[in-house]
Amino acid sequence: MLFPILNVFFCLAFAGFAYVNLNDKDSWLWVSIYMIASVGCGLAAFGQYFPLVYLLAIGFYLVYAVILFFSENGVLQWITKYKQESIVQSMQATKPYIEKTREFFGLIIISAALAMNYFVAS
């Protein structure tokens, strides 16, 4: 009973995240990322699992997360250079590291949600 509830929550949350990314300059990428996760979780809520799709998406998301981690003004510099300054000050990413750090954690959350479904399906 817990997994369907979690999947409905993730489905709605990821669809909402896709919606708020519609006005970004890279909306084609982020709307796609969030909608793949949303549809995957929505289908899993009704017992439809697609392990191969989960693995492919997780692989892409984790590779992209590693790129964001090590990129200029990425997560590593947020930790070391900027001393983990708050990334939730406002919705506008006014400092160079904020957007990449937020995107990194979004990818980790999506990967965890899809991994949950992968292991439930196995």
PDB file of N, CA and C in Angstrom:
ATOM      1  N   MET A   1       0.820  -1.204   0.000  1.00  0.00           N
ATOM      2  CA  MET A   1       0.000   0.000   0.000  1.00  0.00           C
ATOM      3  C   MET A   1       0.862   1.265   0.000  1.00  0.00           C
ATOM      4  N   LEU A   2       2.062   1.171   0.568  1.00  0.00           N
ATOM      5  CA  LEU A   2       2.928   2.348   0.650  1.00  0.00           C
ATOM      6  C   LEU A   2       3.455   2.769  -0.714  1.00  0.00           C
ATOM      7  N   PHE A   3       3.843   1.814  -1.561  1.00  0.00           N
ATOM      8  CA  PHE A   3       4.439   2.156  -2.851  1.00  0.00           C
ATOM      9  C   PHE A   3       3.466   2.854  -3.801  1.00  0.00           C
ATOM     10  N   PRO A   4       2.221   2.427  -3.892  1.00  0.00           N
ATOM     11  CA  PRO A   4       1.296   3.186  -4.739  1.00  0.00           C
ATOM     12  C   PRO A   4       1.113   4.628  -4.266  1.00  0.00           C
ATOM     13  N   ILE A   5       1.052   4.829  -2.969  1.00  0.00           N
ATOM     14  CA  ILE A   5       0.903   6.191  -2.431  1.00  0.00           C
ATOM     15  C   ILE A   5       2.138   7.027  -2.749  1.00  0.00           C
ATOM     16  N   LEU A   6       3.321   6.452  -2.545  1.00  0.00           N
ATOM     17  CA  LEU A   6       4.553   7.166  -2.891  1.00  0.00           C
ATOM     18  C   LEU A   6       4.613   7.486  -4.379  1.00  0.00           C
ATOM     19  N   ASN A   7       4.198   6.545  -5.207  1.00  0.00           N
ATOM     20  CA  ASN A   7       4.232   6.771  -6.643  1.00  0.00           C
ATOM     21  C   ASN A   7       3.252   7.858  -7.080  1.00  0.00           C
ATOM     22  N   VAL A   8       2.078   7.899  -6.485  1.00  0.00           N
ATOM     23  CA  VAL A   8       1.138   8.984  -6.790  1.00  0.00           C
ATOM     24  C   VAL A   8       1.740  10.316  -6.375  1.00  0.00           C
ATOM     25  N   PHE A   9       2.340  10.365  -5.197  1.00  0.00           N
ATOM     26  CA  PHE A   9       2.989  11.592  -4.726  1.00  0.00           C
ATOM     27  C   PHE A   9       4.088  12.036  -5.697  1.00  0.00           C
ATOM     28  N   PHE A  10       4.979  11.103  -6.059  1.00  0.00           N
ATOM     29  CA  PHE A  10       6.067  11.444  -6.982  1.00  0.00           C
ATOM     30  C   PHE A  10       5.532  11.830  -8.359  1.00  0.00           C
ATOM     31  N   CYS A  11       4.516  11.145  -8.832  1.00  0.00           N
ATOM     32  CA  CYS A  11       3.922  11.465 -10.129  1.00  0.00           C
ATOM     33  C   CYS A  11       3.431  12.910 -10.148  1.00  0.00           C
ATOM     34  N   LEU A  12       2.680  13.286  -9.140  1.00  0.00           N
ATOM     35  CA  LEU A  12       2.150  14.650  -9.074  1.00  0.00           C
ATOM     36  C   LEU A  12       3.261  15.684  -8.866  1.00  0.00           C
ATOM     37  N   ALA A  13       4.209  15.352  -8.001  1.00  0.00           N
ATOM     38  CA  ALA A  13       5.310  16.284  -7.743  1.00  0.00           C
ATOM     39  C   ALA A  13       6.146  16.502  -8.995  1.00  0.00           C
ATOM     40  N   PHE A  14       6.514  15.439  -9.685  1.00  0.00           N
ATOM     41  CA  PHE A  14       7.344  15.577 -10.882  1.00  0.00           C
ATOM     42  C   PHE A  14       6.587  16.297 -11.998  1.00  0.00           C
ATOM     43  N   ALA A  15       5.284  16.064 -12.116  1.00  0.00           N
ATOM     44  CA  ALA A  15       4.483  16.799 -13.109  1.00  0.00           C
ATOM     45  C   ALA A  15       4.461  18.286 -12.764  1.00  0.00           C
ATOM     46  N   GLY A  16       4.354  18.593 -11.486  1.00  0.00           N
ATOM     47  CA  GLY A  16       4.403  19.991 -11.051  1.00  0.00           C
ATOM     48  C   GLY A  16       5.754  20.630 -11.329  1.00  0.00           C
ATOM     49  N   PHE A  17       6.819  19.876 -11.098  1.00  0.00           N
ATOM     50  CA  PHE A  17       8.166  20.399 -11.377  1.00  0.00           C
ATOM     51  C   PHE A  17       8.342  20.636 -12.874  1.00  0.00           C
ATOM     52  N   ALA A  18       7.789  19.753 -13.686  1.00  0.00           N
ATOM     53  CA  ALA A  18       7.857  19.947 -15.140  1.00  0.00           C
ATOM     54  C   ALA A  18       7.124  21.222 -15.527  1.00  0.00           C
ATOM     55  N   TYR A  19       5.976  21.444 -14.921  1.00  0.00           N
ATOM     56  CA  TYR A  19       5.181  22.635 -15.234  1.00  0.00           C
ATOM     57  C   TYR A  19       5.946  23.919 -14.918  1.00  0.00           C
ATOM     58  N   VAL A  20       6.588  23.978 -13.757  1.00  0.00           N
ATOM     59  CA  VAL A  20       7.304  25.214 -13.397  1.00  0.00           C
ATOM     60  C   VAL A  20       8.574  25.401 -14.215  1.00  0.00           C
ATOM     61  N   ASN A  21       9.005  24.379 -14.927  1.00  0.00           N
ATOM     62  CA  ASN A  21      10.179  24.503 -15.800  1.00  0.00           C
ATOM     63  C   ASN A  21       9.818  24.894 -17.226  1.00  0.00           C
ATOM     64  N   LEU A  22       8.540  25.081 -17.510  1.00  0.00           N
ATOM     65  CA  LEU A  22       8.121  25.415 -18.869  1.00  0.00           C
ATOM     66  C   LEU A  22       8.702  26.742 -19.366  1.00  0.00           C
ATOM     67  N   ASN A  23       8.979  27.672 -18.470  1.00  0.00           N
ATOM     68  CA  ASN A  23       9.473  28.984 -18.903  1.00  0.00           C
ATOM     69  C   ASN A  23      10.999  29.105 -18.856  1.00  0.00           C
ATOM     70  N   ASP A  24      11.704  28.029 -18.574  1.00  0.00           N
ATOM     71  CA  ASP A  24      13.172  28.064 -18.545  1.00  0.00           C
ATOM     72  C   ASP A  24      13.738  28.057 -19.956  1.00  0.00           C
ATOM     73  N   LYS A  25      14.976  28.506 -20.066  1.00  0.00           N
ATOM     74  CA  LYS A  25      15.643  28.496 -21.377  1.00  0.00           C
ATOM     75  C   LYS A  25      15.946  27.071 -21.827  1.00  0.00           C
ATOM     76  N   ASP A  26      16.095  26.152 -20.892  1.00  0.00           N
ATOM     77  CA  ASP A  26      16.345  24.748 -21.229  1.00  0.00           C
ATOM     78  C   ASP A  26      15.135  23.877 -20.855  1.00  0.00           C
ATOM     79  N   SER A  27      13.945  24.418 -21.100  1.00  0.00           N
ATOM     80  CA  SER A  27      12.720  23.706 -20.714  1.00  0.00           C
ATOM     81  C   SER A  27      12.571  22.371 -21.433  1.00  0.00           C
ATOM     82  N   TRP A  28      13.032  22.289 -22.662  1.00  0.00           N
ATOM     83  CA  TRP A  28      12.920  21.028 -23.419  1.00  0.00           C
ATOM     84  C   TRP A  28      13.595  19.882 -22.669  1.00  0.00           C
ATOM     85  N   LEU A  29      14.708  20.177 -22.002  1.00  0.00           N
ATOM     86  CA  LEU A  29      15.439  19.149 -21.264  1.00  0.00           C
ATOM     87  C   LEU A  29      14.739  18.812 -19.953  1.00  0.00           C
ATOM     88  N   TRP A  30      14.424  19.837 -19.162  1.00  0.00           N
ATOM     89  CA  TRP A  30      13.910  19.584 -17.822  1.00  0.00           C
ATOM     90  C   TRP A  30      12.459  19.124 -17.807  1.00  0.00           C
ATOM     91  N   VAL A  31      11.660  19.602 -18.726  1.00  0.00           N
ATOM     92  CA  VAL A  31      10.291  19.092 -18.813  1.00  0.00           C
ATOM     93  C   VAL A  31      10.333  17.613 -19.198  1.00  0.00           C
ATOM     94  N   SER A  32      11.217  17.262 -20.115  1.00  0.00           N
ATOM     95  CA  SER A  32      11.359  15.852 -20.505  1.00  0.00           C
ATOM     96  C   SER A  32      11.829  14.995 -19.335  1.00  0.00           C
ATOM     97  N   ILE A  33      12.836  15.472 -18.618  1.00  0.00           N
ATOM     98  CA  ILE A  33      13.363  14.724 -17.471  1.00  0.00           C
ATOM     99  C   ILE A  33      12.268  14.476 -16.441  1.00  0.00           C
ATOM    100  N   TYR A  34      11.545  15.534 -16.074  1.00  0.00           N
ATOM    101  CA  TYR A  34      10.520  15.381 -15.046  1.00  0.00           C
ATOM    102  C   TYR A  34       9.311  14.588 -15.538  1.00  0.00           C
ATOM    103  N   MET A  35       8.945  14.735 -16.805  1.00  0.00           N
ATOM    104  CA  MET A  35       7.770  14.012 -17.292  1.00  0.00           C
ATOM    105  C   MET A  35       8.039  12.520 -17.460  1.00  0.00           C
ATOM    106  N   ILE A  36       9.244  12.147 -17.834  1.00  0.00           N
ATOM    107  CA  ILE A  36       9.582  10.718 -17.894  1.00  0.00           C
ATOM    108  C   ILE A  36       9.432  10.103 -16.503  1.00  0.00           C
ATOM    109  N   ALA A  37       9.938  10.801 -15.495  1.00  0.00           N
ATOM    110  CA  ALA A  37       9.824  10.306 -14.117  1.00  0.00           C
ATOM    111  C   ALA A  37       8.368  10.307 -13.659  1.00  0.00           C
ATOM    112  N   SER A  38       7.621  11.345 -14.010  1.00  0.00           N
ATOM    113  CA  SER A  38       6.219  11.433 -13.609  1.00  0.00           C
ATOM    114  C   SER A  38       5.399  10.297 -14.211  1.00  0.00           C
ATOM    115  N   VAL A  39       5.562  10.069 -15.498  1.00  0.00           N
ATOM    116  CA  VAL A  39       4.819   8.991 -16.163  1.00  0.00           C
ATOM    117  C   VAL A  39       5.236   7.631 -15.595  1.00  0.00           C
ATOM    118  N   GLY A  40       6.541   7.451 -15.372  1.00  0.00           N
ATOM    119  CA  GLY A  40       7.017   6.193 -14.800  1.00  0.00           C
ATOM    120  C   GLY A  40       6.409   5.918 -13.438  1.00  0.00           C
ATOM    121  N   CYS A  41       6.350   6.934 -12.600  1.00  0.00           N
ATOM    122  CA  CYS A  41       5.761   6.765 -11.261  1.00  0.00           C
ATOM    123  C   CYS A  41       4.247   6.623 -11.339  1.00  0.00           C
ATOM    124  N   GLY A  42       3.621   7.343 -12.257  1.00  0.00           N
ATOM    125  CA  GLY A  42       2.171   7.231 -12.420  1.00  0.00           C
ATOM    126  C   GLY A  42       1.756   5.831 -12.855  1.00  0.00           C
ATOM    127  N   LEU A  43       2.485   5.282 -13.803  1.00  0.00           N
ATOM    128  CA  LEU A  43       2.180   3.919 -14.241  1.00  0.00           C
ATOM    129  C   LEU A  43       2.463   2.903 -13.136  1.00  0.00           C
ATOM    130  N   ALA A  44       3.535   3.110 -12.395  1.00  0.00           N
ATOM    131  CA  ALA A  44       3.867   2.193 -11.289  1.00  0.00           C
ATOM    132  C   ALA A  44       2.797   2.227 -10.200  1.00  0.00           C
ATOM    133  N   ALA A  45       2.162   3.374 -10.015  1.00  0.00           N
ATOM    134  CA  ALA A  45       1.092   3.471  -9.018  1.00  0.00           C
ATOM    135  C   ALA A  45      -0.056   2.528  -9.355  1.00  0.00           C
ATOM    136  N   PHE A  46      -0.200   2.216 -10.648  1.00  0.00           N
ATOM    137  CA  PHE A  46      -1.254   1.299 -11.087  1.00  0.00           C
ATOM    138  C   PHE A  46      -0.721  -0.092 -11.435  1.00  0.00           C
ATOM    139  N   GLY A  47       0.503  -0.382 -10.965  1.00  0.00           N
ATOM    140  CA  GLY A  47       1.058  -1.722 -11.128  1.00  0.00           C
ATOM    141  C   GLY A  47       1.739  -1.991 -12.454  1.00  0.00           C
ATOM    142  N   GLN A  48       1.971  -0.970 -13.242  1.00  0.00           N
ATOM    143  CA  GLN A  48       2.656  -1.116 -14.530  1.00  0.00           C
ATOM    144  C   GLN A  48       4.115  -0.700 -14.366  1.00  0.00           C
ATOM    145  N   TYR A  49       5.020  -1.670 -14.439  1.00  0.00           N
ATOM    146  CA  TYR A  49       6.442  -1.403 -14.226  1.00  0.00           C
ATOM    147  C   TYR A  49       7.235  -1.626 -15.510  1.00  0.00           C
ATOM    148  N   PHE A  50       8.248  -0.801 -15.716  1.00  0.00           N
ATOM    149  CA  PHE A  50       9.101  -0.875 -16.902  1.00  0.00           C
ATOM    150  C   PHE A  50      10.565  -0.779 -16.474  1.00  0.00           C
ATOM    151  N   PRO A  51      11.122  -1.879 -15.945  1.00  0.00           N
ATOM    152  CA  PRO A  51      12.477  -1.855 -15.380  1.00  0.00           C
ATOM    153  C   PRO A  51      13.558  -1.360 -16.337  1.00  0.00           C
ATOM    154  N   LEU A  52      13.486  -1.731 -17.612  1.00  0.00           N
ATOM    155  CA  LEU A  52      14.504  -1.294 -18.552  1.00  0.00           C
ATOM    156  C   LEU A  52      14.471   0.230 -18.736  1.00  0.00           C
ATOM    157  N   VAL A  53      13.281   0.786 -18.808  1.00  0.00           N
ATOM    158  CA  VAL A  53      13.146   2.244 -18.926  1.00  0.00           C
ATOM    159  C   VAL A  53      13.717   2.917 -17.676  1.00  0.00           C
ATOM    160  N   TYR A  54      13.429   2.350 -16.516  1.00  0.00           N
ATOM    161  CA  TYR A  54      13.963   2.921 -15.271  1.00  0.00           C
ATOM    162  C   TYR A  54      15.485   2.927 -15.301  1.00  0.00           C
ATOM    163  N   LEU A  55      16.079   1.807 -15.703  1.00  0.00           N
ATOM    164  CA  LEU A  55      17.545   1.725 -15.725  1.00  0.00           C
ATOM    165  C   LEU A  55      18.153   2.720 -16.711  1.00  0.00           C
ATOM    166  N   LEU A  56      17.576   2.843 -17.885  1.00  0.00           N
ATOM    167  CA  LEU A  56      18.086   3.792 -18.872  1.00  0.00           C
ATOM    168  C   LEU A  56      17.963   5.228 -18.362  1.00  0.00           C
ATOM    169  N   ALA A  57      16.819   5.564 -17.793  1.00  0.00           N
ATOM    170  CA  ALA A  57      16.618   6.915 -17.270  1.00  0.00           C
ATOM    171  C   ALA A  57      17.556   7.190 -16.100  1.00  0.00           C
ATOM    172  N   ILE A  58      17.661   6.249 -15.179  1.00  0.00           N
ATOM    173  CA  ILE A  58      18.558   6.424 -14.032  1.00  0.00           C
ATOM    174  C   ILE A  58      19.991   6.613 -14.507  1.00  0.00           C
ATOM    175  N   GLY A  59      20.416   5.820 -15.481  1.00  0.00           N
ATOM    176  CA  GLY A  59      21.769   5.961 -16.022  1.00  0.00           C
ATOM    177  C   GLY A  59      22.009   7.357 -16.571  1.00  0.00           C
ATOM    178  N   PHE A  60      21.075   7.858 -17.377  1.00  0.00           N
ATOM    179  CA  PHE A  60      21.210   9.202 -17.934  1.00  0.00           C
ATOM    180  C   PHE A  60      21.230  10.241 -16.824  1.00  0.00           C
ATOM    181  N   TYR A  61      20.294  10.125 -15.872  1.00  0.00           N
ATOM    182  CA  TYR A  61      20.185  11.109 -14.799  1.00  0.00           C
ATOM    183  C   TYR A  61      21.440  11.138 -13.930  1.00  0.00           C
ATOM    184  N   LEU A  62      21.991   9.970 -13.635  1.00  0.00           N
ATOM    185  CA  LEU A  62      23.185   9.946 -12.784  1.00  0.00           C
ATOM    186  C   LEU A  62      24.425  10.464 -13.512  1.00  0.00           C
ATOM    187  N   VAL A  63      24.540  10.173 -14.803  1.00  0.00           N
ATOM    188  CA  VAL A  63      25.655  10.733 -15.578  1.00  0.00           C
ATOM    189  C   VAL A  63      25.548  12.251 -15.604  1.00  0.00           C
ATOM    190  N   TYR A  64      24.345  12.757 -15.848  1.00  0.00           N
ATOM    191  CA  TYR A  64      24.139  14.207 -15.867  1.00  0.00           C
ATOM    192  C   TYR A  64      24.405  14.807 -14.482  1.00  0.00           C
ATOM    193  N   ALA A  65      24.024  14.103 -13.424  1.00  0.00           N
ATOM    194  CA  ALA A  65      24.281  14.587 -12.059  1.00  0.00           C
ATOM    195  C   ALA A  65      25.783  14.680 -11.793  1.00  0.00           C
ATOM    196  N   VAL A  66      26.554  13.709 -12.252  1.00  0.00           N
ATOM    197  CA  VAL A  66      28.013  13.757 -12.087  1.00  0.00           C
ATOM    198  C   VAL A  66      28.583  14.953 -12.838  1.00  0.00           C
ATOM    199  N   ILE A  67      28.085  15.209 -14.039  1.00  0.00           N
ATOM    200  CA  ILE A  67      28.537  16.371 -14.809  1.00  0.00           C
ATOM    201  C   ILE A  67      28.243  17.655 -14.043  1.00  0.00           C
ATOM    202  N   LEU A  68      27.036  17.771 -13.486  1.00  0.00           N
ATOM    203  CA  LEU A  68      26.686  18.961 -12.711  1.00  0.00           C
ATOM    204  C   LEU A  68      27.524  19.074 -11.437  1.00  0.00           C
ATOM    205  N   PHE A  69      27.872  17.946 -10.862  1.00  0.00           N
ATOM    206  CA  PHE A  69      28.658  17.962  -9.629  1.00  0.00           C
ATOM    207  C   PHE A  69      30.037  18.569  -9.873  1.00  0.00           C
ATOM    208  N   PHE A  70      30.676  18.184 -10.972  1.00  0.00           N
ATOM    209  CA  PHE A  70      32.051  18.608 -11.216  1.00  0.00           C
ATOM    210  C   PHE A  70      32.180  19.819 -12.137  1.00  0.00           C
ATOM    211  N   SER A  71      31.082  20.333 -12.676  1.00  0.00           N
ATOM    212  CA  SER A  71      31.171  21.457 -13.606  1.00  0.00           C
ATOM    213  C   SER A  71      31.546  22.745 -12.879  1.00  0.00           C
ATOM    214  N   GLU A  72      31.942  23.742 -13.685  1.00  0.00           N
ATOM    215  CA  GLU A  72      32.270  25.049 -13.109  1.00  0.00           C
ATOM    216  C   GLU A  72      31.018  25.612 -12.439  1.00  0.00           C
ATOM    217  N   ASN A  73      31.173  26.117 -11.222  1.00  0.00           N
ATOM    218  CA  ASN A  73      30.069  26.600 -10.393  1.00  0.00           C
ATOM    219  C   ASN A  73      29.029  25.514 -10.149  1.00  0.00           C
ATOM    220  N   GLY A  74      29.495  24.284 -10.059  1.00  0.00           N
ATOM    221  CA  GLY A  74      28.616  23.158  -9.785  1.00  0.00           C
ATOM    222  C   GLY A  74      28.571  22.842  -8.299  1.00  0.00           C
ATOM    223  N   VAL A  75      28.153  21.651  -8.000  1.00  0.00           N
ATOM    224  CA  VAL A  75      27.939  21.246  -6.611  1.00  0.00           C
ATOM    225  C   VAL A  75      29.246  21.211  -5.819  1.00  0.00           C
ATOM    226  N   LEU A  76      30.302  20.706  -6.438  1.00  0.00           N
ATOM    227  CA  LEU A  76      31.584  20.650  -5.717  1.00  0.00           C
ATOM    228  C   LEU A  76      32.054  22.042  -5.325  1.00  0.00           C
ATOM    229  N   GLN A  77      31.936  23.002  -6.222  1.00  0.00           N
ATOM    230  CA  GLN A  77      32.331  24.370  -5.875  1.00  0.00           C
ATOM    231  C   GLN A  77      31.370  24.993  -4.875  1.00  0.00           C
ATOM    232  N   TRP A  78      30.086  24.620  -4.935  1.00  0.00           N
ATOM    233  CA  TRP A  78      29.139  25.093  -3.932  1.00  0.00           C
ATOM    234  C   TRP A  78      29.566  24.624  -2.543  1.00  0.00           C
ATOM    235  N   ILE A  79      30.069  23.393  -2.455  1.00  0.00           N
ATOM    236  CA  ILE A  79      30.507  22.847  -1.170  1.00  0.00           C
ATOM    237  C   ILE A  79      31.820  23.488  -0.722  1.00  0.00           C
ATOM    238  N   THR A  80      32.786  23.588  -1.629  1.00  0.00           N
ATOM    239  CA  THR A  80      34.124  24.033  -1.248  1.00  0.00           C
ATOM    240  C   THR A  80      34.301  25.549  -1.327  1.00  0.00           C
ATOM    241  N   LYS A  81      34.029  26.119  -2.480  1.00  0.00           N
ATOM    242  CA  LYS A  81      34.278  27.547  -2.703  1.00  0.00           C
ATOM    243  C   LYS A  81      33.241  28.436  -2.025  1.00  0.00           C
ATOM    244  N   TYR A  82      31.971  28.048  -2.120  1.00  0.00           N
ATOM    245  CA  TYR A  82      30.898  28.886  -1.600  1.00  0.00           C
ATOM    246  C   TYR A  82      30.433  28.467  -0.205  1.00  0.00           C
ATOM    247  N   LYS A  83      31.074  27.461   0.362  1.00  0.00           N
ATOM    248  CA  LYS A  83      30.820  27.014   1.745  1.00  0.00           C
ATOM    249  C   LYS A  83      29.350  26.679   2.006  1.00  0.00           C
ATOM    250  N   GLN A  84      28.721  26.003   1.066  1.00  0.00           N
ATOM    251  CA  GLN A  84      27.336  25.524   1.171  1.00  0.00           C
ATOM    252  C   GLN A  84      26.359  26.644   1.528  1.00  0.00           C
ATOM    253  N   GLU A  85      26.549  27.780   0.905  1.00  0.00           N
ATOM    254  CA  GLU A  85      25.618  28.889   1.089  1.00  0.00           C
ATOM    255  C   GLU A  85      24.221  28.439   0.669  1.00  0.00           C
ATOM    256  N   SER A  86      23.194  29.000   1.271  1.00  0.00           N
ATOM    257  CA  SER A  86      21.817  28.568   1.026  1.00  0.00           C
ATOM    258  C   SER A  86      21.460  28.610  -0.462  1.00  0.00           C
ATOM    259  N   ILE A  87      20.813  27.558  -0.924  1.00  0.00           N
ATOM    260  CA  ILE A  87      20.349  27.508  -2.318  1.00  0.00           C
ATOM    261  C   ILE A  87      18.835  27.693  -2.394  1.00  0.00           C
ATOM    262  N   VAL A  88      18.205  27.997  -1.269  1.00  0.00           N
ATOM    263  CA  VAL A  88      16.758  28.170  -1.238  1.00  0.00           C
ATOM    264  C   VAL A  88      16.366  29.597  -0.844  1.00  0.00           C
ATOM    265  N   GLN A  89      17.245  30.547  -1.104  1.00  0.00           N
ATOM    266  CA  GLN A  89      16.962  31.932  -0.744  1.00  0.00           C
ATOM    267  C   GLN A  89      15.749  32.476  -1.483  1.00  0.00           C
ATOM    268  N   SER A  90      15.667  32.191  -2.773  1.00  0.00           N
ATOM    269  CA  SER A  90      14.540  32.643  -3.588  1.00  0.00           C
ATOM    270  C   SER A  90      14.378  31.657  -4.743  1.00  0.00           C
ATOM    271  N   MET A  91      13.281  31.802  -5.473  1.00  0.00           N
ATOM    272  CA  MET A  91      13.066  30.924  -6.617  1.00  0.00           C
ATOM    273  C   MET A  91      13.989  31.288  -7.774  1.00  0.00           C
ATOM    274  N   GLN A  92      14.456  32.521  -7.820  1.00  0.00           N
ATOM    275  CA  GLN A  92      15.359  32.947  -8.879  1.00  0.00           C
ATOM    276  C   GLN A  92      16.775  32.521  -8.525  1.00  0.00           C
ATOM    277  N   ALA A  93      17.447  31.899  -9.465  1.00  0.00           N
ATOM    278  CA  ALA A  93      18.831  31.471  -9.250  1.00  0.00           C
ATOM    279  C   ALA A  93      19.737  32.670  -9.520  1.00  0.00           C
ATOM    280  N   THR A  94      20.003  33.456  -8.477  1.00  0.00           N
ATOM    281  CA  THR A  94      20.751  34.700  -8.642  1.00  0.00           C
ATOM    282  C   THR A  94      22.254  34.508  -8.572  1.00  0.00           C
ATOM    283  N   LYS A  95      22.706  33.387  -8.106  1.00  0.00           N
ATOM    284  CA  LYS A  95      24.133  33.102  -8.011  1.00  0.00           C
ATOM    285  C   LYS A  95      24.447  31.913  -8.907  1.00  0.00           C
ATOM    286  N   PRO A  96      25.657  31.848  -9.435  1.00  0.00           N
ATOM    287  CA  PRO A  96      25.957  30.860 -10.478  1.00  0.00           C
ATOM    288  C   PRO A  96      25.818  29.400 -10.055  1.00  0.00           C
ATOM    289  N   TYR A  97      26.013  29.088  -8.814  1.00  0.00           N
ATOM    290  CA  TYR A  97      25.993  27.700  -8.365  1.00  0.00           C
ATOM    291  C   TYR A  97      24.598  27.203  -8.003  1.00  0.00           C
ATOM    292  N   ILE A  98      23.648  28.103  -7.828  1.00  0.00           N
ATOM    293  CA  ILE A  98      22.330  27.717  -7.321  1.00  0.00           C
ATOM    294  C   ILE A  98      21.602  26.782  -8.289  1.00  0.00           C
ATOM    295  N   GLU A  99      21.532  27.148  -9.558  1.00  0.00           N
ATOM    296  CA  GLU A  99      20.770  26.345 -10.515  1.00  0.00           C
ATOM    297  C   GLU A  99      21.364  24.950 -10.676  1.00  0.00           C
ATOM    298  N   LYS A 100      22.674  24.867 -10.797  1.00  0.00           N
ATOM    299  CA  LYS A 100      23.300  23.548 -10.988  1.00  0.00           C
ATOM    300  C   LYS A 100      23.137  22.667  -9.752  1.00  0.00           C
ATOM    301  N   THR A 101      23.213  23.267  -8.577  1.00  0.00           N
ATOM    302  CA  THR A 101      23.060  22.491  -7.351  1.00  0.00           C
ATOM    303  C   THR A 101      21.624  21.993  -7.202  1.00  0.00           C
ATOM    304  N   ARG A 102      20.664  22.851  -7.487  1.00  0.00           N
ATOM    305  CA  ARG A 102      19.260  22.433  -7.428  1.00  0.00           C
ATOM    306  C   ARG A 102      18.986  21.324  -8.449  1.00  0.00           C
ATOM    307  N   GLU A 103      19.509  21.489  -9.659  1.00  0.00           N
ATOM    308  CA  GLU A 103      19.315  20.471 -10.681  1.00  0.00           C
ATOM    309  C   GLU A 103      19.936  19.147 -10.272  1.00  0.00           C
ATOM    310  N   PHE A 104      21.113  19.200  -9.665  1.00  0.00           N
ATOM    311  CA  PHE A 104      21.791  17.992  -9.195  1.00  0.00           C
ATOM    312  C   PHE A 104      20.899  17.233  -8.206  1.00  0.00           C
ATOM    313  N   PHE A 105      20.386  17.931  -7.205  1.00  0.00           N
ATOM    314  CA  PHE A 105      19.563  17.257  -6.206  1.00  0.00           C
ATOM    315  C   PHE A 105      18.240  16.772  -6.803  1.00  0.00           C
ATOM    316  N   GLY A 106      17.705  17.490  -7.785  1.00  0.00           N
ATOM    317  CA  GLY A 106      16.512  17.017  -8.474  1.00  0.00           C
ATOM    318  C   GLY A 106      16.767  15.699  -9.181  1.00  0.00           C
ATOM    319  N   LEU A 107      17.906  15.595  -9.838  1.00  0.00           N
ATOM    320  CA  LEU A 107      18.261  14.355 -10.530  1.00  0.00           C
ATOM    321  C   LEU A 107      18.451  13.198  -9.550  1.00  0.00           C
ATOM    322  N   ILE A 108      19.011  13.481  -8.398  1.00  0.00           N
ATOM    323  CA  ILE A 108      19.197  12.435  -7.384  1.00  0.00           C
ATOM    324  C   ILE A 108      17.840  11.952  -6.866  1.00  0.00           C
ATOM    325  N   ILE A 109      16.918  12.875  -6.625  1.00  0.00           N
ATOM    326  CA  ILE A 109      15.585  12.503  -6.137  1.00  0.00           C
ATOM    327  C   ILE A 109      14.845  11.674  -7.184  1.00  0.00           C
ATOM    328  N   ILE A 110      14.902  12.117  -8.442  1.00  0.00           N
ATOM    329  CA  ILE A 110      14.255  11.358  -9.515  1.00  0.00           C
ATOM    330  C   ILE A 110      14.850   9.961  -9.614  1.00  0.00           C
ATOM    331  N   SER A 111      16.168   9.867  -9.561  1.00  0.00           N
ATOM    332  CA  SER A 111      16.829   8.562  -9.653  1.00  0.00           C
ATOM    333  C   SER A 111      16.405   7.649  -8.513  1.00  0.00           C
ATOM    334  N   ALA A 112      16.278   8.196  -7.319  1.00  0.00           N
ATOM    335  CA  ALA A 112      15.851   7.396  -6.171  1.00  0.00           C
ATOM    336  C   ALA A 112      14.419   6.892  -6.351  1.00  0.00           C
ATOM    337  N   ALA A 113      13.535   7.748  -6.849  1.00  0.00           N
ATOM    338  CA  ALA A 113      12.143   7.331  -7.069  1.00  0.00           C
ATOM    339  C   ALA A 113      12.066   6.225  -8.117  1.00  0.00           C
ATOM    340  N   LEU A 114      12.808   6.376  -9.199  1.00  0.00           N
ATOM    341  CA  LEU A 114      12.793   5.339 -10.238  1.00  0.00           C
ATOM    342  C   LEU A 114      13.486   4.066  -9.761  1.00  0.00           C
ATOM    343  N   ALA A 115      14.528   4.196  -8.952  1.00  0.00           N
ATOM    344  CA  ALA A 115      15.205   3.014  -8.403  1.00  0.00           C
ATOM    345  C   ALA A 115      14.263   2.236  -7.487  1.00  0.00           C
ATOM    346  N   MET A 116      13.455   2.959  -6.729  1.00  0.00           N
ATOM    347  CA  MET A 116      12.461   2.305  -5.874  1.00  0.00           C
ATOM    348  C   MET A 116      11.550   1.431  -6.736  1.00  0.00           C
ATOM    349  N   ASN A 117      11.078   1.981  -7.842  1.00  0.00           N
ATOM    350  CA  ASN A 117      10.199   1.207  -8.727  1.00  0.00           C
ATOM    351  C   ASN A 117      10.941   0.058  -9.405  1.00  0.00           C
ATOM    352  N   TYR A 118      12.182   0.269  -9.740  1.00  0.00           N
ATOM    353  CA  TYR A 118      12.971  -0.807 -10.347  1.00  0.00           C
ATOM    354  C   TYR A 118      13.067  -1.997  -9.386  1.00  0.00           C
ATOM    355  N   PHE A 119      13.379  -1.730  -8.126  1.00  0.00           N
ATOM    356  CA  PHE A 119      13.542  -2.816  -7.164  1.00  0.00           C
ATOM    357  C   PHE A 119      12.210  -3.458  -6.793  1.00  0.00           C
ATOM    358  N   VAL A 120      11.141  -2.711  -6.801  1.00  0.00           N
ATOM    359  CA  VAL A 120       9.819  -3.290  -6.545  1.00  0.00           C
ATOM    360  C   VAL A 120       9.427  -4.208  -7.701  1.00  0.00           C
ATOM    361  N   ALA A 121       9.783  -3.796  -8.933  1.00  0.00           N
ATOM    362  CA  ALA A 121       9.441  -4.590 -10.112  1.00  0.00           C
ATOM    363  C   ALA A 121      10.269  -5.864 -10.221  1.00  0.00           C
ATOM    364  N   SER A 122      11.458  -5.861  -9.644  1.00  0.00           N
ATOM    365  CA  SER A 122      12.375  -7.021  -9.770  1.00  0.00           C
ATOM    366  C   SER A 122      11.961  -8.174  -8.891  1.00  0.00           C
TER     367      SER A 122
END
